[in-house]
Amino acid sequence: MSKFIVITSINDPTQAVKEFSAMEDWQVIVVADLKTPNDWQLEGAKLLTVEEQKTLPFETAKLSPWNHYARKNLGYLYAISQGADLIYETDDDNLPYPTWQNSFPTSATTEAATYAEGEKYRNVYSYFTEARVWPRGFPLAEVARAEANAPATESRQISRAHAPILQGLADLEPDVDAIYRLTVGGQIKFAKKKPLFLNPGTYCPFNSQNTLGFPKRSPTYICQDLCRAESPIFGVATLRSDVFIKKGRACCSVALVFIRSETFITSCEILRKNSTFTPKLKA
């Protein structure tokens, strides 16, 4: 099985990129941008340089703006051109747990829990934690509605869920909106639970921070050219009936499974303590 990790970075190799590059059986692709250091290099990682991007036979290379997260699309396309069976996407400031390689299913069909049908919106964070927190992009009108934040006891087990996109969570600093940061705040540690599958017609925003995709099952997985702050949050989509763009946000219907959080930890606080690298704060 051909497995790729796609990252974009304008920094020198971070601790997270070093750890991913040291993993066996995974090929790391780092998509450069105009601000990426010219002397960037790391054993075990393939840097897709600015000059190399200009020679790629993809229209996306010409259409995607520079200094933009959407340049990461070229990493997907490059991986697919190399025969990728799996494409994992993350950021350069996210550190994997030691169990990371064993936490994601290696098949688009997996065992999962699911909620009873009938609700249009579900706050998937409420399945993994009792803390009052919601994903960035979740409709604010739904945040206080009990039905959208149903406890985990309402979920039921299903034996097989087909999902070509698997979304992992991030401990400590998950993707939340400014309303949460201003009114609640605090770091979050999610519970280790079985994956959660959303039924057709049930929606929740998802991001590209900790995502595994099966390109042969979902070949149009892209990161939309939205505004810079939103593109990694709302821009992951497969342009099929199972996932669609609604009001500029990626909404899932059939194809998405949320994975328990033992997969990942956001490295923001850790790097401040153990490294000279200082990541930019997310808004």
C-alpha atoms as a PDB file:
ATOM      1  CA  MET A   1       0.000   0.000   0.000  1.00  0.00           C
ATOM      2  CA  SER A   2       1.359   3.399  -1.034  1.00  0.00           C
ATOM      3  CA  LYS A   3       0.911   5.927   1.806  1.00  0.00           C
ATOM      4  CA  PHE A   4       1.606   9.662   1.715  1.00  0.00           C
ATOM      5  CA  ILE A   5       1.537  12.491   4.245  1.00  0.00           C
ATOM      6  CA  VAL A   6       0.900  15.960   2.782  1.00  0.00           C
ATOM      7  CA  ILE A   7       1.925  19.105   4.659  1.00  0.00           C
ATOM      8  CA  THR A   8       2.481  22.709   3.654  1.00  0.00           C
ATOM      9  CA  SER A   9       4.961  24.862   5.544  1.00  0.00           C
ATOM     10  CA  ILE A  10       6.754  28.191   5.471  1.00  0.00           C
ATOM     11  CA  ASN A  11       8.983  27.245   8.416  1.00  0.00           C
ATOM     12  CA  ASP A  12      12.190  25.302   8.810  1.00  0.00           C
ATOM     13  CA  PRO A  13      11.490  21.605   9.509  1.00  0.00           C
ATOM     14  CA  THR A  14       9.423  21.521  12.694  1.00  0.00           C
ATOM     15  CA  GLN A  15       9.410  18.762  15.274  1.00  0.00           C
ATOM     16  CA  ALA A  16       6.126  17.468  13.875  1.00  0.00           C
ATOM     17  CA  VAL A  17       7.472  17.231  10.328  1.00  0.00           C
ATOM     18  CA  LYS A  18      10.607  15.484  11.616  1.00  0.00           C
ATOM     19  CA  GLU A  19       8.541  12.883  13.462  1.00  0.00           C
ATOM     20  CA  PHE A  20       6.340  12.147  10.474  1.00  0.00           C
ATOM     21  CA  SER A  21       9.357  11.924   8.180  1.00  0.00           C
ATOM     22  CA  ALA A  22      10.927   9.310  10.429  1.00  0.00           C
ATOM     23  CA  MET A  23       7.944   6.970  10.141  1.00  0.00           C
ATOM     24  CA  GLU A  24       8.411   3.833   8.089  1.00  0.00           C
ATOM     25  CA  ASP A  25       6.150   3.104   5.132  1.00  0.00           C
ATOM     26  CA  TRP A  26       5.032   6.743   4.782  1.00  0.00           C
ATOM     27  CA  GLN A  27       6.274   9.271   2.225  1.00  0.00           C
ATOM     28  CA  VAL A  28       6.096  12.874   3.455  1.00  0.00           C
ATOM     29  CA  ILE A  29       5.429  15.598   0.889  1.00  0.00           C
ATOM     30  CA  VAL A  30       5.951  19.183   2.029  1.00  0.00           C
ATOM     31  CA  VAL A  31       4.434  21.749  -0.323  1.00  0.00           C
ATOM     32  CA  ALA A  32       6.570  24.881  -0.353  1.00  0.00           C
ATOM     33  CA  ASP A  33       5.303  28.433  -0.734  1.00  0.00           C
ATOM     34  CA  LEU A  34       7.059  31.708  -1.450  1.00  0.00           C
ATOM     35  CA  LYS A  35       8.020  32.152   2.219  1.00  0.00           C
ATOM     36  CA  THR A  36       9.430  28.645   2.676  1.00  0.00           C
ATOM     37  CA  PRO A  37      13.189  28.813   3.406  1.00  0.00           C
ATOM     38  CA  ASN A  38      15.253  28.212   0.267  1.00  0.00           C
ATOM     39  CA  ASP A  39      17.566  25.819   2.113  1.00  0.00           C
ATOM     40  CA  TRP A  40      14.707  23.651   3.437  1.00  0.00           C
ATOM     41  CA  GLN A  41      15.646  19.982   3.513  1.00  0.00           C
ATOM     42  CA  LEU A  42      14.917  16.969   5.665  1.00  0.00           C
ATOM     43  CA  GLU A  43      15.751  13.306   5.288  1.00  0.00           C
ATOM     44  CA  GLY A  44      12.623  11.287   4.625  1.00  0.00           C
ATOM     45  CA  ALA A  45      10.653  14.246   3.250  1.00  0.00           C
ATOM     46  CA  LYS A  46      10.092  15.341  -0.335  1.00  0.00           C
ATOM     47  CA  LEU A  47       9.954  19.137  -0.701  1.00  0.00           C
ATOM     48  CA  LEU A  48       7.761  20.210  -3.589  1.00  0.00           C
ATOM     49  CA  THR A  49       9.643  23.430  -4.314  1.00  0.00           C
ATOM     50  CA  VAL A  50       8.169  26.572  -5.836  1.00  0.00           C
ATOM     51  CA  GLU A  51      10.109  25.974  -9.044  1.00  0.00           C
ATOM     52  CA  GLU A  52       8.993  22.354  -9.245  1.00  0.00           C
ATOM     53  CA  GLN A  53       5.375  23.361  -8.700  1.00  0.00           C
ATOM     54  CA  LYS A  54       5.603  25.614 -11.754  1.00  0.00           C
ATOM     55  CA  THR A  55       6.512  22.604 -13.901  1.00  0.00           C
ATOM     56  CA  LEU A  56       3.736  20.311 -12.698  1.00  0.00           C
ATOM     57  CA  PRO A  57       1.145  19.357 -15.351  1.00  0.00           C
ATOM     58  CA  PHE A  58      -1.821  20.486 -13.228  1.00  0.00           C
ATOM     59  CA  GLU A  59      -4.053  23.472 -13.956  1.00  0.00           C
ATOM     60  CA  THR A  60      -4.362  23.900 -10.201  1.00  0.00           C
ATOM     61  CA  ALA A  61      -0.698  24.933 -10.106  1.00  0.00           C
ATOM     62  CA  LYS A  62      -1.569  27.990 -12.181  1.00  0.00           C
ATOM     63  CA  LEU A  63      -4.908  28.786 -10.562  1.00  0.00           C
ATOM     64  CA  SER A  64      -4.080  28.492  -6.861  1.00  0.00           C
ATOM     65  CA  PRO A  65      -2.758  31.721  -5.327  1.00  0.00           C
ATOM     66  CA  TRP A  66       0.687  31.899  -3.750  1.00  0.00           C
ATOM     67  CA  ASN A  67       1.038  32.428  -0.005  1.00  0.00           C
ATOM     68  CA  HIS A  68      -2.162  30.448   0.431  1.00  0.00           C
ATOM     69  CA  TYR A  69      -3.072  27.198   2.160  1.00  0.00           C
ATOM     70  CA  ALA A  70      -4.752  25.964  -1.020  1.00  0.00           C
ATOM     71  CA  ARG A  71      -1.310  25.305  -2.550  1.00  0.00           C
ATOM     72  CA  LYS A  72      -1.545  22.073  -0.576  1.00  0.00           C
ATOM     73  CA  ASN A  73      -3.818  20.774  -3.355  1.00  0.00           C
ATOM     74  CA  LEU A  74      -0.666  20.226  -5.392  1.00  0.00           C
ATOM     75  CA  GLY A  75       0.553  17.853  -2.718  1.00  0.00           C
ATOM     76  CA  TYR A  76      -2.595  15.766  -3.133  1.00  0.00           C
ATOM     77  CA  LEU A  77      -2.235  15.724  -6.902  1.00  0.00           C
ATOM     78  CA  TYR A  78       1.433  14.834  -6.711  1.00  0.00           C
ATOM     79  CA  ALA A  79       0.702  11.974  -4.311  1.00  0.00           C
ATOM     80  CA  ILE A  80      -2.075  10.678  -6.546  1.00  0.00           C
ATOM     81  CA  SER A  81       0.243  10.828  -9.558  1.00  0.00           C
ATOM     82  CA  GLN A  82       2.658   8.656  -7.594  1.00  0.00           C
ATOM     83  CA  GLY A  83      -0.044   6.027  -7.039  1.00  0.00           C
ATOM     84  CA  ALA A  84      -1.145   6.940  -3.513  1.00  0.00           C
ATOM     85  CA  ASP A  85      -3.602   4.578  -1.868  1.00  0.00           C
ATOM     86  CA  LEU A  86      -3.786   6.688   1.290  1.00  0.00           C
ATOM     87  CA  ILE A  87      -3.246  10.421   1.742  1.00  0.00           C
ATOM     88  CA  TYR A  88      -2.952  11.793   5.241  1.00  0.00           C
ATOM     89  CA  GLU A  89      -3.094  15.553   5.697  1.00  0.00           C
ATOM     90  CA  THR A  90      -1.900  17.589   8.633  1.00  0.00           C
ATOM     91  CA  ASP A  91      -0.170  20.825   9.656  1.00  0.00           C
ATOM     92  CA  ASP A  92       3.464  21.422  10.538  1.00  0.00           C
ATOM     93  CA  ASP A  93       2.618  22.360  14.145  1.00  0.00           C
ATOM     94  CA  ASN A  94       0.765  19.138  15.050  1.00  0.00           C
ATOM     95  CA  LEU A  95       2.606  16.319  16.793  1.00  0.00           C
ATOM     96  CA  PRO A  96       1.517  12.673  16.451  1.00  0.00           C
ATOM     97  CA  TYR A  97       0.986  10.522  19.491  1.00  0.00           C
ATOM     98  CA  PRO A  98       3.171   7.380  19.634  1.00  0.00           C
ATOM     99  CA  THR A  99       0.061   5.368  18.709  1.00  0.00           C
ATOM    100  CA  TRP A 100      -0.660   7.447  15.619  1.00  0.00           C
ATOM    101  CA  GLN A 101       0.227   4.828  13.014  1.00  0.00           C
ATOM    102  CA  ASN A 102      -2.205   2.314  14.513  1.00  0.00           C
ATOM    103  CA  SER A 103      -5.089   4.651  15.200  1.00  0.00           C
ATOM    104  CA  PHE A 104      -6.476   5.262  11.717  1.00  0.00           C
ATOM    105  CA  PRO A 105      -8.254   2.417   9.913  1.00  0.00           C
ATOM    106  CA  THR A 106      -6.524   1.393   6.669  1.00  0.00           C
ATOM    107  CA  SER A 107      -9.805   0.727   4.907  1.00  0.00           C
ATOM    108  CA  ALA A 108     -12.626   3.016   3.800  1.00  0.00           C
ATOM    109  CA  THR A 109     -15.003   0.609   5.533  1.00  0.00           C
ATOM    110  CA  THR A 110     -14.782   0.510   9.308  1.00  0.00           C
ATOM    111  CA  GLU A 111     -16.757  -0.214  12.460  1.00  0.00           C
ATOM    112  CA  ALA A 112     -18.259   2.888  14.007  1.00  0.00           C
ATOM    113  CA  ALA A 113     -20.945   4.346  16.240  1.00  0.00           C
ATOM    114  CA  THR A 114     -23.712   6.536  14.874  1.00  0.00           C
ATOM    115  CA  TYR A 115     -26.546   8.670  16.163  1.00  0.00           C
ATOM    116  CA  ALA A 116     -30.193   7.924  15.578  1.00  0.00           C
ATOM    117  CA  GLU A 117     -31.435   9.569  12.397  1.00  0.00           C
ATOM    118  CA  GLY A 118     -33.553  12.689  12.313  1.00  0.00           C
ATOM    119  CA  GLU A 119     -31.255  15.544  13.366  1.00  0.00           C
ATOM    120  CA  LYS A 120     -29.888  17.842  10.671  1.00  0.00           C
ATOM    121  CA  TYR A 121     -26.889  19.010  12.716  1.00  0.00           C
ATOM    122  CA  ARG A 122     -24.770  17.099  15.213  1.00  0.00           C
ATOM    123  CA  ASN A 123     -21.957  18.498  17.302  1.00  0.00           C
ATOM    124  CA  VAL A 124     -19.537  15.584  17.018  1.00  0.00           C
ATOM    125  CA  TYR A 125     -17.324  16.987  19.773  1.00  0.00           C
ATOM    126  CA  SER A 126     -20.101  16.195  22.255  1.00  0.00           C
ATOM    127  CA  TYR A 127     -19.637  12.507  21.471  1.00  0.00           C
ATOM    128  CA  PHE A 128     -15.990  12.623  22.536  1.00  0.00           C
ATOM    129  CA  THR A 129     -16.225  15.026  25.479  1.00  0.00           C
ATOM    130  CA  GLU A 130     -18.694  16.396  28.031  1.00  0.00           C
ATOM    131  CA  ALA A 131     -17.046  19.817  27.826  1.00  0.00           C
ATOM    132  CA  ARG A 132     -19.034  22.629  26.248  1.00  0.00           C
ATOM    133  CA  VAL A 133     -17.197  22.932  22.943  1.00  0.00           C
ATOM    134  CA  TRP A 134     -18.122  22.824  19.266  1.00  0.00           C
ATOM    135  CA  PRO A 135     -16.176  22.660  15.973  1.00  0.00           C
ATOM    136  CA  ARG A 136     -15.391  25.814  14.090  1.00  0.00           C
ATOM    137  CA  GLY A 137     -18.119  26.452  11.537  1.00  0.00           C
ATOM    138  CA  PHE A 138     -20.855  24.734  13.543  1.00  0.00           C
ATOM    139  CA  PRO A 139     -24.055  26.840  13.287  1.00  0.00           C
ATOM    140  CA  LEU A 140     -24.140  29.035  16.385  1.00  0.00           C
ATOM    141  CA  ALA A 141     -27.919  28.735  16.549  1.00  0.00           C
ATOM    142  CA  GLU A 142     -27.424  25.008  17.135  1.00  0.00           C
ATOM    143  CA  VAL A 143     -24.771  25.289  19.860  1.00  0.00           C
ATOM    144  CA  ALA A 144     -27.265  25.546  22.728  1.00  0.00           C
ATOM    145  CA  ARG A 145     -29.837  23.163  21.275  1.00  0.00           C
ATOM    146  CA  ALA A 146     -29.872  19.914  23.242  1.00  0.00           C
ATOM    147  CA  GLU A 147     -30.731  17.760  20.241  1.00  0.00           C
ATOM    148  CA  ALA A 148     -27.647  18.894  18.345  1.00  0.00           C
ATOM    149  CA  ASN A 149     -25.468  18.174  21.369  1.00  0.00           C
ATOM    150  CA  ALA A 150     -26.951  14.818  22.280  1.00  0.00           C
ATOM    151  CA  PRO A 151     -24.861  12.786  24.738  1.00  0.00           C
ATOM    152  CA  ALA A 152     -22.934   9.769  23.613  1.00  0.00           C
ATOM    153  CA  THR A 153     -25.534   7.447  25.111  1.00  0.00           C
ATOM    154  CA  GLU A 154     -27.783   8.246  22.159  1.00  0.00           C
ATOM    155  CA  SER A 155     -25.324   6.727  19.744  1.00  0.00           C
ATOM    156  CA  ARG A 156     -25.677   3.179  18.537  1.00  0.00           C
ATOM    157  CA  GLN A 157     -23.130   0.772  17.130  1.00  0.00           C
ATOM    158  CA  ILE A 158     -23.065  -0.163  13.466  1.00  0.00           C
ATOM    159  CA  SER A 159     -20.854  -2.888  12.125  1.00  0.00           C
ATOM    160  CA  ARG A 160     -19.642  -1.357   8.882  1.00  0.00           C
ATOM    161  CA  ALA A 161     -19.534   2.270   7.728  1.00  0.00           C
ATOM    162  CA  HIS A 162     -18.198   3.227   4.290  1.00  0.00           C
ATOM    163  CA  ALA A 163     -16.262   6.479   4.613  1.00  0.00           C
ATOM    164  CA  PRO A 164     -13.484   7.511   2.192  1.00  0.00           C
ATOM    165  CA  ILE A 165     -12.678  10.478   4.463  1.00  0.00           C
ATOM    166  CA  LEU A 166     -11.644   9.865   8.074  1.00  0.00           C
ATOM    167  CA  GLN A 167     -11.437  12.972  10.257  1.00  0.00           C
ATOM    168  CA  GLY A 168      -9.287  12.815  13.368  1.00  0.00           C
ATOM    169  CA  LEU A 169      -9.611  15.158  16.321  1.00  0.00           C
ATOM    170  CA  ALA A 170      -6.857  17.229  17.934  1.00  0.00           C
ATOM    171  CA  ASP A 171      -6.251  17.355  21.665  1.00  0.00           C
ATOM    172  CA  LEU A 172      -5.434  20.541  23.601  1.00  0.00           C
ATOM    173  CA  GLU A 173      -6.110  23.028  20.800  1.00  0.00           C
ATOM    174  CA  PRO A 174      -8.851  21.667  18.506  1.00  0.00           C
ATOM    175  CA  ASP A 175     -10.324  23.815  15.758  1.00  0.00           C
ATOM    176  CA  VAL A 176     -12.857  26.033  17.502  1.00  0.00           C
ATOM    177  CA  ASP A 177     -14.246  29.454  16.653  1.00  0.00           C
ATOM    178  CA  ALA A 178     -13.613  32.840  18.249  1.00  0.00           C
ATOM    179  CA  ILE A 179     -16.930  32.690  20.115  1.00  0.00           C
ATOM    180  CA  TYR A 180     -15.757  29.617  22.015  1.00  0.00           C
ATOM    181  CA  ARG A 181     -12.359  31.160  22.776  1.00  0.00           C
ATOM    182  CA  LEU A 182     -13.946  34.378  24.086  1.00  0.00           C
ATOM    183  CA  THR A 183     -16.811  32.853  26.082  1.00  0.00           C
ATOM    184  CA  VAL A 184     -15.503  29.468  27.245  1.00  0.00           C
ATOM    185  CA  GLY A 185     -11.855  28.944  26.357  1.00  0.00           C
ATOM    186  CA  GLY A 186      -9.478  26.365  27.743  1.00  0.00           C
ATOM    187  CA  GLN A 187      -7.780  23.306  26.330  1.00  0.00           C
ATOM    188  CA  ILE A 188      -9.692  20.137  25.489  1.00  0.00           C
ATOM    189  CA  LYS A 189      -8.742  16.491  25.880  1.00  0.00           C
ATOM    190  CA  PHE A 190     -11.070  14.164  23.987  1.00  0.00           C
ATOM    191  CA  ALA A 191     -12.038  10.701  25.192  1.00  0.00           C
ATOM    192  CA  LYS A 192     -10.758   7.578  23.443  1.00  0.00           C
ATOM    193  CA  LYS A 193     -13.844   6.109  21.859  1.00  0.00           C
ATOM    194  CA  LYS A 194     -14.890   4.244  18.767  1.00  0.00           C
ATOM    195  CA  PRO A 195     -15.190   6.266  15.545  1.00  0.00           C
ATOM    196  CA  LEU A 196     -18.420   8.168  14.947  1.00  0.00           C
ATOM    197  CA  PHE A 197     -20.299   7.915  11.651  1.00  0.00           C
ATOM    198  CA  LEU A 198     -22.778  10.579  10.534  1.00  0.00           C
ATOM    199  CA  ASN A 199     -25.898   9.346   8.785  1.00  0.00           C
ATOM    200  CA  PRO A 200     -26.994  10.754   5.413  1.00  0.00           C
ATOM    201  CA  GLY A 201     -28.669  14.118   5.989  1.00  0.00           C
ATOM    202  CA  THR A 202     -26.754  14.867   9.198  1.00  0.00           C
ATOM    203  CA  TYR A 203     -24.128  17.587   9.030  1.00  0.00           C
ATOM    204  CA  CYS A 204     -21.109  18.840  10.942  1.00  0.00           C
ATOM    205  CA  PRO A 205     -18.178  20.998   9.753  1.00  0.00           C
ATOM    206  CA  PHE A 206     -14.795  19.334   9.543  1.00  0.00           C
ATOM    207  CA  ASN A 207     -11.240  20.459   8.857  1.00  0.00           C
ATOM    208  CA  SER A 208      -8.051  19.331   7.184  1.00  0.00           C
ATOM    209  CA  GLN A 209      -5.814  19.291  10.232  1.00  0.00           C
ATOM    210  CA  ASN A 210      -5.840  15.568  10.919  1.00  0.00           C
ATOM    211  CA  THR A 211      -7.479  13.841   7.982  1.00  0.00           C
ATOM    212  CA  LEU A 212      -6.987  10.569   6.138  1.00  0.00           C
ATOM    213  CA  GLY A 213      -8.375  10.152   2.639  1.00  0.00           C
ATOM    214  CA  PHE A 214      -8.634   7.297   0.161  1.00  0.00           C
ATOM    215  CA  PRO A 215      -8.102   9.041  -3.199  1.00  0.00           C
ATOM    216  CA  LYS A 216      -9.227   6.058  -5.268  1.00  0.00           C
ATOM    217  CA  ARG A 217     -12.534   6.091  -3.387  1.00  0.00           C
ATOM    218  CA  SER A 218     -12.818   9.866  -3.203  1.00  0.00           C
ATOM    219  CA  PRO A 219     -10.779  11.240  -6.111  1.00  0.00           C
ATOM    220  CA  THR A 220     -11.890  14.881  -5.921  1.00  0.00           C
ATOM    221  CA  TYR A 221     -10.735  15.546  -2.364  1.00  0.00           C
ATOM    222  CA  ILE A 222      -9.644  19.200  -2.430  1.00  0.00           C
ATOM    223  CA  CYS A 223      -8.913  22.209  -0.280  1.00  0.00           C
ATOM    224  CA  GLN A 224     -11.046  25.081  -1.528  1.00  0.00           C
ATOM    225  CA  ASP A 225      -9.607  28.490  -2.371  1.00  0.00           C
ATOM    226  CA  LEU A 226     -11.551  30.281   0.321  1.00  0.00           C
ATOM    227  CA  CYS A 227     -10.245  33.128   2.429  1.00  0.00           C
ATOM    228  CA  ARG A 228      -6.935  32.262   4.067  1.00  0.00           C
ATOM    229  CA  ALA A 229      -8.266  31.847   7.594  1.00  0.00           C
ATOM    230  CA  GLU A 230     -11.084  29.546   6.532  1.00  0.00           C
ATOM    231  CA  SER A 231      -9.568  27.309   3.887  1.00  0.00           C
ATOM    232  CA  PRO A 232      -8.038  24.685   6.204  1.00  0.00           C
ATOM    233  CA  ILE A 233     -11.211  24.644   8.307  1.00  0.00           C
ATOM    234  CA  PHE A 234     -14.067  24.651   5.813  1.00  0.00           C
ATOM    235  CA  GLY A 235     -12.324  23.686   2.610  1.00  0.00           C
ATOM    236  CA  VAL A 236     -11.995  19.919   2.714  1.00  0.00           C
ATOM    237  CA  ALA A 237     -14.543  18.353   0.428  1.00  0.00           C
ATOM    238  CA  THR A 238     -15.215  15.638  -2.070  1.00  0.00           C
ATOM    239  CA  LEU A 239     -17.396  16.978  -4.833  1.00  0.00           C
ATOM    240  CA  ARG A 240     -19.847  14.108  -4.782  1.00  0.00           C
ATOM    241  CA  SER A 241     -23.261  13.517  -3.250  1.00  0.00           C
ATOM    242  CA  ASP A 242     -21.731  12.365   0.024  1.00  0.00           C
ATOM    243  CA  VAL A 243     -20.032  15.679   0.802  1.00  0.00           C
ATOM    244  CA  PHE A 244     -20.952  19.084  -0.577  1.00  0.00           C
ATOM    245  CA  ILE A 245     -20.255  22.770  -0.134  1.00  0.00           C
ATOM    246  CA  LYS A 246     -23.065  24.667   1.568  1.00  0.00           C
ATOM    247  CA  LYS A 247     -22.779  28.408   2.076  1.00  0.00           C
ATOM    248  CA  GLY A 248     -19.004  28.225   1.667  1.00  0.00           C
ATOM    249  CA  ARG A 249     -18.527  25.464   4.223  1.00  0.00           C
ATOM    250  CA  ALA A 250     -17.797  21.816   3.728  1.00  0.00           C
ATOM    251  CA  CYS A 251     -20.673  19.692   4.976  1.00  0.00           C
ATOM    252  CA  CYS A 252     -20.656  15.932   5.143  1.00  0.00           C
ATOM    253  CA  SER A 253     -23.530  13.564   4.589  1.00  0.00           C
ATOM    254  CA  VAL A 254     -22.374  10.029   3.930  1.00  0.00           C
ATOM    255  CA  ALA A 255     -18.627   9.898   3.571  1.00  0.00           C
ATOM    256  CA  LEU A 256     -17.221  11.075   6.869  1.00  0.00           C
ATOM    257  CA  VAL A 257     -16.177   9.215   9.996  1.00  0.00           C
ATOM    258  CA  PHE A 258     -14.778  11.032  13.034  1.00  0.00           C
ATOM    259  CA  ILE A 259     -11.919   9.164  14.727  1.00  0.00           C
ATOM    260  CA  ARG A 260     -11.115   9.025  18.432  1.00  0.00           C
ATOM    261  CA  SER A 261      -8.536  11.517  19.559  1.00  0.00           C
ATOM    262  CA  GLU A 262      -5.665   9.246  20.524  1.00  0.00           C
ATOM    263  CA  THR A 263      -4.442   9.915  17.011  1.00  0.00           C
ATOM    264  CA  PHE A 264      -3.162  13.427  17.476  1.00  0.00           C
ATOM    265  CA  ILE A 265      -2.068  16.235  19.693  1.00  0.00           C
ATOM    266  CA  THR A 266      -1.755  19.871  18.669  1.00  0.00           C
ATOM    267  CA  SER A 267       1.814  20.894  19.305  1.00  0.00           C
ATOM    268  CA  CYS A 268       1.326  24.599  19.996  1.00  0.00           C
ATOM    269  CA  GLU A 269       1.947  24.485  23.746  1.00  0.00           C
ATOM    270  CA  ILE A 270       4.529  21.706  23.575  1.00  0.00           C
ATOM    271  CA  LEU A 271       6.665  23.522  21.032  1.00  0.00           C
ATOM    272  CA  ARG A 272       6.641  26.704  23.054  1.00  0.00           C
ATOM    273  CA  LYS A 273       8.179  24.760  25.922  1.00  0.00           C
ATOM    274  CA  ASN A 274      10.565  22.484  24.066  1.00  0.00           C
ATOM    275  CA  SER A 275      11.563  24.251  20.885  1.00  0.00           C
ATOM    276  CA  THR A 276      12.786  27.551  19.531  1.00  0.00           C
ATOM    277  CA  PHE A 277      10.049  27.378  16.899  1.00  0.00           C
ATOM    278  CA  THR A 278       7.155  29.701  17.734  1.00  0.00           C
ATOM    279  CA  PRO A 279       3.990  28.853  15.771  1.00  0.00           C
ATOM    280  CA  LYS A 280       1.596  31.575  14.764  1.00  0.00           C
ATOM    281  CA  LEU A 281      -1.501  31.761  16.921  1.00  0.00           C
ATOM    282  CA  LYS A 282      -4.700  30.799  15.167  1.00  0.00           C
ATOM    283  CA  ALA A 283      -7.459  33.340  15.192  1.00  0.00           C
END
